[in-house]
């Protein structure tokens, strides 16, 4: 199979290869597809639960609840976990 990649995708693959975490482009793609499969499997298992939570959140928001966008950004920034040097 021959695949033609847009420059942006090629750059992303190259970046991952430079990290040293992958053997070759095929390894990058395999890991990406495995991650996508795992995400889809998790979502399928939790689809109902996620849908119910979203519904409750929208109902609360409609009643005037929720957090202002400026607060959300601050909370998300505070929750970020610093990554070690090298991005691994």
C-alpha atoms as a PDB file:
ATOM      1  CA  UNK A   1       0.000   0.000   0.000  1.00  0.00           C
ATOM      2  CA  UNK A   2       1.293   3.420  -0.898  1.00  0.00           C
ATOM      3  CA  UNK A   3       0.113   6.427   1.086  1.00  0.00           C
ATOM      4  CA  UNK A   4       0.617  10.061   0.119  1.00  0.00           C
ATOM      5  CA  UNK A   5       0.662  12.361   3.134  1.00  0.00           C
ATOM      6  CA  UNK A   6       0.058  16.064   3.334  1.00  0.00           C
ATOM      7  CA  UNK A   7       3.124  17.972   4.569  1.00  0.00           C
ATOM      8  CA  UNK A   8       1.461  18.657   7.940  1.00  0.00           C
ATOM      9  CA  UNK A   9       0.961  14.943   8.614  1.00  0.00           C
ATOM     10  CA  UNK A  10       4.446  14.110   7.433  1.00  0.00           C
ATOM     11  CA  UNK A  11       5.813  16.732   9.835  1.00  0.00           C
ATOM     12  CA  UNK A  12       3.848  15.207  12.728  1.00  0.00           C
ATOM     13  CA  UNK A  13       5.232  11.759  11.971  1.00  0.00           C
ATOM     14  CA  UNK A  14       8.749  13.149  11.661  1.00  0.00           C
ATOM     15  CA  UNK A  15       8.344  14.894  15.037  1.00  0.00           C
ATOM     16  CA  UNK A  16       7.353  11.605  16.677  1.00  0.00           C
ATOM     17  CA  UNK A  17      10.272   9.814  15.083  1.00  0.00           C
ATOM     18  CA  UNK A  18      12.661  12.475  16.369  1.00  0.00           C
ATOM     19  CA  UNK A  19      11.358  11.880  19.905  1.00  0.00           C
ATOM     20  CA  UNK A  20      13.019   8.463  19.804  1.00  0.00           C
ATOM     21  CA  UNK A  21       9.853   6.737  20.998  1.00  0.00           C
ATOM     22  CA  UNK A  22       9.175   5.092  17.637  1.00  0.00           C
ATOM     23  CA  UNK A  23      11.180   2.809  15.364  1.00  0.00           C
ATOM     24  CA  UNK A  24       9.785   4.044  12.050  1.00  0.00           C
ATOM     25  CA  UNK A  25       6.757   5.678  10.397  1.00  0.00           C
ATOM     26  CA  UNK A  26       4.874   2.388  10.447  1.00  0.00           C
ATOM     27  CA  UNK A  27       5.345   2.230  14.226  1.00  0.00           C
ATOM     28  CA  UNK A  28       3.935   5.775  14.571  1.00  0.00           C
ATOM     29  CA  UNK A  29       0.895   4.883  12.495  1.00  0.00           C
ATOM     30  CA  UNK A  30       0.365   1.573  14.321  1.00  0.00           C
ATOM     31  CA  UNK A  31       0.399   3.331  17.697  1.00  0.00           C
ATOM     32  CA  UNK A  32      -1.973   6.031  16.439  1.00  0.00           C
ATOM     33  CA  UNK A  33      -4.419   3.442  15.136  1.00  0.00           C
ATOM     34  CA  UNK A  34      -4.190   1.395  18.337  1.00  0.00           C
ATOM     35  CA  UNK A  35      -4.919   4.541  20.350  1.00  0.00           C
ATOM     36  CA  UNK A  36      -7.864   5.352  18.133  1.00  0.00           C
ATOM     37  CA  UNK A  37      -9.208   1.805  18.521  1.00  0.00           C
ATOM     38  CA  UNK A  38      -8.853   2.001  22.316  1.00  0.00           C
ATOM     39  CA  UNK A  39     -10.586   5.382  22.408  1.00  0.00           C
ATOM     40  CA  UNK A  40     -13.468   4.106  20.273  1.00  0.00           C
ATOM     41  CA  UNK A  41     -13.811   0.988  22.435  1.00  0.00           C
ATOM     42  CA  UNK A  42     -13.870   3.083  25.619  1.00  0.00           C
ATOM     43  CA  UNK A  43     -16.425   5.449  24.131  1.00  0.00           C
ATOM     44  CA  UNK A  44     -18.623   2.563  23.033  1.00  0.00           C
ATOM     45  CA  UNK A  45     -18.511   1.095  26.545  1.00  0.00           C
ATOM     46  CA  UNK A  46     -19.279   4.465  28.146  1.00  0.00           C
ATOM     47  CA  UNK A  47     -21.489   6.039  25.453  1.00  0.00           C
ATOM     48  CA  UNK A  48     -24.653   5.959  27.556  1.00  0.00           C
ATOM     49  CA  UNK A  49     -22.907   7.297  30.658  1.00  0.00           C
ATOM     50  CA  UNK A  50     -21.233  10.093  28.701  1.00  0.00           C
ATOM     51  CA  UNK A  51     -24.537  10.987  27.032  1.00  0.00           C
ATOM     52  CA  UNK A  52     -26.324  11.153  30.385  1.00  0.00           C
ATOM     53  CA  UNK A  53     -23.636  13.386  31.867  1.00  0.00           C
ATOM     54  CA  UNK A  54     -23.781  15.690  28.869  1.00  0.00           C
ATOM     55  CA  UNK A  55     -27.573  15.875  29.128  1.00  0.00           C
ATOM     56  CA  UNK A  56     -27.398  16.773  32.842  1.00  0.00           C
ATOM     57  CA  UNK A  57     -24.744  19.383  32.141  1.00  0.00           C
ATOM     58  CA  UNK A  58     -26.817  20.988  29.390  1.00  0.00           C
ATOM     59  CA  UNK A  59     -29.887  21.055  31.659  1.00  0.00           C
ATOM     60  CA  UNK A  60     -27.851  22.726  34.403  1.00  0.00           C
ATOM     61  CA  UNK A  61     -26.466  25.214  31.911  1.00  0.00           C
ATOM     62  CA  UNK A  62     -29.991  25.996  30.672  1.00  0.00           C
ATOM     63  CA  UNK A  63     -31.006  26.740  34.285  1.00  0.00           C
ATOM     64  CA  UNK A  64     -28.192  29.300  34.539  1.00  0.00           C
ATOM     65  CA  UNK A  65     -25.640  27.012  36.118  1.00  0.00           C
ATOM     66  CA  UNK A  66     -22.161  26.474  34.911  1.00  0.00           C
ATOM     67  CA  UNK A  67     -18.803  28.149  35.113  1.00  0.00           C
ATOM     68  CA  UNK A  68     -17.863  31.319  33.196  1.00  0.00           C
ATOM     69  CA  UNK A  69     -15.460  30.670  30.323  1.00  0.00           C
ATOM     70  CA  UNK A  70     -12.700  32.712  31.983  1.00  0.00           C
ATOM     71  CA  UNK A  71     -12.921  30.455  35.060  1.00  0.00           C
ATOM     72  CA  UNK A  72     -12.910  27.299  32.944  1.00  0.00           C
ATOM     73  CA  UNK A  73      -9.667  28.354  31.279  1.00  0.00           C
ATOM     74  CA  UNK A  74      -8.037  29.093  34.641  1.00  0.00           C
ATOM     75  CA  UNK A  75      -9.166  25.754  36.084  1.00  0.00           C
ATOM     76  CA  UNK A  76      -7.927  23.836  33.055  1.00  0.00           C
ATOM     77  CA  UNK A  77      -4.545  25.570  33.218  1.00  0.00           C
ATOM     78  CA  UNK A  78      -4.283  24.682  36.914  1.00  0.00           C
ATOM     79  CA  UNK A  79      -5.065  21.026  36.118  1.00  0.00           C
ATOM     80  CA  UNK A  80      -2.351  20.662  33.490  1.00  0.00           C
ATOM     81  CA  UNK A  81       0.346  18.240  34.507  1.00  0.00           C
ATOM     82  CA  UNK A  82       3.832  19.419  33.559  1.00  0.00           C
ATOM     83  CA  UNK A  83       5.539  17.063  31.125  1.00  0.00           C
ATOM     84  CA  UNK A  84       9.149  16.042  31.649  1.00  0.00           C
ATOM     85  CA  UNK A  85      11.726  17.460  29.266  1.00  0.00           C
ATOM     86  CA  UNK A  86      11.664  15.703  25.917  1.00  0.00           C
ATOM     87  CA  UNK A  87       7.886  15.228  25.919  1.00  0.00           C
ATOM     88  CA  UNK A  88       7.979  11.553  26.972  1.00  0.00           C
END
